[in-house]
N, C-alpha and C. Protein backbone atom coordinates (compact mmCIF):
# COMPACT_ATOMS: atom_id res chain seq x y z
N MET A 1 -23.83 60.08 8.10
CA MET A 1 -22.84 60.04 7.07
C MET A 1 -21.45 59.92 7.62
N ILE A 2 -21.22 60.57 8.76
CA ILE A 2 -19.90 60.52 9.41
C ILE A 2 -19.64 59.12 9.86
N ILE A 3 -20.61 58.42 10.32
CA ILE A 3 -20.43 57.06 10.79
C ILE A 3 -20.02 56.13 9.65
N LEU A 4 -20.70 56.28 8.55
CA LEU A 4 -20.33 55.48 7.33
C LEU A 4 -18.92 55.80 6.85
N ALA A 5 -18.53 57.06 6.86
CA ALA A 5 -17.19 57.39 6.49
C ALA A 5 -16.18 56.79 7.47
N GLY A 6 -16.51 56.79 8.75
CA GLY A 6 -15.63 56.18 9.69
C GLY A 6 -15.48 54.69 9.48
N PHE A 7 -16.63 54.04 9.14
CA PHE A 7 -16.57 52.61 8.93
C PHE A 7 -15.69 52.29 7.69
N LEU A 8 -15.93 53.04 6.58
CA LEU A 8 -15.12 52.80 5.40
C LEU A 8 -13.66 53.07 5.59
N THR A 9 -13.34 54.14 6.30
CA THR A 9 -11.93 54.46 6.61
C THR A 9 -11.30 53.33 7.44
N GLY A 10 -11.99 52.88 8.43
CA GLY A 10 -11.45 51.78 9.29
C GLY A 10 -11.32 50.48 8.48
N ALA A 11 -12.29 50.19 7.63
CA ALA A 11 -12.21 48.94 6.86
C ALA A 11 -11.02 49.01 5.90
N LEU A 12 -10.78 50.16 5.30
CA LEU A 12 -9.67 50.24 4.39
C LEU A 12 -8.32 50.17 5.18
N TRP A 13 -8.29 50.80 6.27
CA TRP A 13 -7.10 50.77 7.10
C TRP A 13 -6.81 49.38 7.60
N GLY A 14 -7.81 48.69 8.11
CA GLY A 14 -7.64 47.32 8.64
C GLY A 14 -7.29 46.33 7.54
N GLY A 15 -7.99 46.44 6.38
CA GLY A 15 -7.67 45.59 5.25
C GLY A 15 -6.25 45.77 4.77
N GLY A 16 -5.84 47.03 4.71
CA GLY A 16 -4.46 47.33 4.30
C GLY A 16 -3.44 46.80 5.26
N LEU A 17 -3.75 46.95 6.52
CA LEU A 17 -2.82 46.45 7.57
C LEU A 17 -2.63 44.93 7.46
N ALA A 18 -3.75 44.22 7.34
CA ALA A 18 -3.69 42.76 7.22
C ALA A 18 -2.97 42.33 5.91
N TRP A 19 -3.21 43.11 4.85
CA TRP A 19 -2.57 42.76 3.57
C TRP A 19 -1.04 42.97 3.65
N ARG A 20 -0.67 44.05 4.32
CA ARG A 20 0.80 44.32 4.50
C ARG A 20 1.46 43.26 5.36
N ARG A 21 0.69 42.67 6.29
CA ARG A 21 1.21 41.61 7.15
C ARG A 21 1.12 40.24 6.50
N LYS A 22 0.77 40.23 5.24
CA LYS A 22 0.68 39.01 4.40
C LYS A 22 -0.41 38.02 4.94
N GLY A 23 -1.54 38.57 5.33
CA GLY A 23 -2.67 37.73 5.76
C GLY A 23 -3.41 37.18 4.61
N ASN A 24 -4.14 36.10 4.82
CA ASN A 24 -4.97 35.58 3.76
C ASN A 24 -6.26 36.38 3.69
N ARG A 25 -7.15 36.00 2.80
CA ARG A 25 -8.32 36.82 2.62
C ARG A 25 -9.26 36.85 3.81
N PHE A 26 -9.24 35.77 4.64
CA PHE A 26 -10.05 35.79 5.83
C PHE A 26 -9.47 36.72 6.89
N ASP A 27 -8.14 36.77 7.00
CA ASP A 27 -7.50 37.76 7.90
C ASP A 27 -7.85 39.16 7.49
N ILE A 28 -7.76 39.43 6.16
CA ILE A 28 -8.05 40.72 5.65
C ILE A 28 -9.50 41.16 5.96
N ALA A 29 -10.44 40.19 5.73
CA ALA A 29 -11.84 40.48 6.04
C ALA A 29 -12.09 40.70 7.54
N GLN A 30 -11.43 39.93 8.37
CA GLN A 30 -11.60 40.10 9.81
C GLN A 30 -11.04 41.45 10.29
N TYR A 31 -9.87 41.78 9.83
CA TYR A 31 -9.30 43.08 10.21
C TYR A 31 -10.17 44.20 9.67
N ALA A 32 -10.63 44.09 8.43
CA ALA A 32 -11.44 45.18 7.85
C ALA A 32 -12.70 45.32 8.69
N ALA A 33 -13.37 44.23 9.07
CA ALA A 33 -14.58 44.31 9.83
C ALA A 33 -14.29 44.91 11.20
N GLY A 34 -13.28 44.41 11.86
CA GLY A 34 -13.00 44.90 13.21
C GLY A 34 -12.61 46.37 13.24
N PHE A 35 -11.74 46.81 12.33
CA PHE A 35 -11.34 48.23 12.29
C PHE A 35 -12.52 49.05 11.88
N GLY A 36 -13.33 48.54 10.96
CA GLY A 36 -14.50 49.31 10.49
C GLY A 36 -15.47 49.56 11.62
N ILE A 37 -15.77 48.53 12.38
CA ILE A 37 -16.70 48.72 13.54
C ILE A 37 -16.09 49.67 14.55
N PHE A 38 -14.80 49.51 14.83
CA PHE A 38 -14.16 50.36 15.83
C PHE A 38 -14.20 51.84 15.42
N PHE A 39 -13.83 52.09 14.15
CA PHE A 39 -13.85 53.48 13.67
C PHE A 39 -15.30 54.03 13.58
N ALA A 40 -16.25 53.23 13.29
CA ALA A 40 -17.64 53.65 13.23
C ALA A 40 -18.09 54.03 14.65
N LEU A 41 -17.70 53.29 15.65
CA LEU A 41 -18.04 53.62 17.05
C LEU A 41 -17.41 54.94 17.47
N ILE A 42 -16.15 55.11 17.10
CA ILE A 42 -15.48 56.39 17.39
C ILE A 42 -16.24 57.55 16.73
N ALA A 43 -16.58 57.36 15.46
CA ALA A 43 -17.34 58.41 14.75
C ALA A 43 -18.70 58.67 15.38
N LEU A 44 -19.35 57.63 15.87
CA LEU A 44 -20.63 57.80 16.49
C LEU A 44 -20.52 58.64 17.80
N PHE A 45 -19.51 58.29 18.62
CA PHE A 45 -19.31 59.07 19.84
C PHE A 45 -18.90 60.53 19.52
N ALA A 46 -18.11 60.66 18.51
CA ALA A 46 -17.69 62.03 18.11
C ALA A 46 -18.94 62.82 17.65
N MET A 47 -19.77 62.19 16.89
CA MET A 47 -20.98 62.87 16.38
C MET A 47 -21.87 63.25 17.61
N ILE A 48 -22.05 62.34 18.53
CA ILE A 48 -22.90 62.65 19.71
C ILE A 48 -22.29 63.82 20.47
N PHE A 49 -20.96 63.78 20.66
CA PHE A 49 -20.32 64.89 21.36
C PHE A 49 -20.47 66.21 20.64
N ILE A 50 -20.34 66.25 19.35
CA ILE A 50 -20.49 67.43 18.58
C ILE A 50 -21.96 67.94 18.68
N GLN A 51 -22.92 67.03 18.61
CA GLN A 51 -24.35 67.45 18.72
C GLN A 51 -24.64 68.03 20.09
N ARG A 52 -24.10 67.42 21.12
CA ARG A 52 -24.40 67.92 22.47
C ARG A 52 -23.66 69.24 22.77
N ALA A 53 -22.45 69.38 22.23
CA ALA A 53 -21.70 70.56 22.52
C ALA A 53 -22.20 71.80 21.75
N GLY A 54 -22.79 71.55 20.58
CA GLY A 54 -23.13 72.69 19.69
C GLY A 54 -24.47 73.15 19.83
């Protein structure tokens, strides 16, 4: 669940960033996908760290 939340947060952040920079819909989609994947990976590593530490 944390990974999905990370992906959605990153997608919203990336899409908003591209939209503020006046990107077209393909730019917005690419930023949303890139940021979503990046945030999901961060959430994955955070979840692994929490599981191992606790």
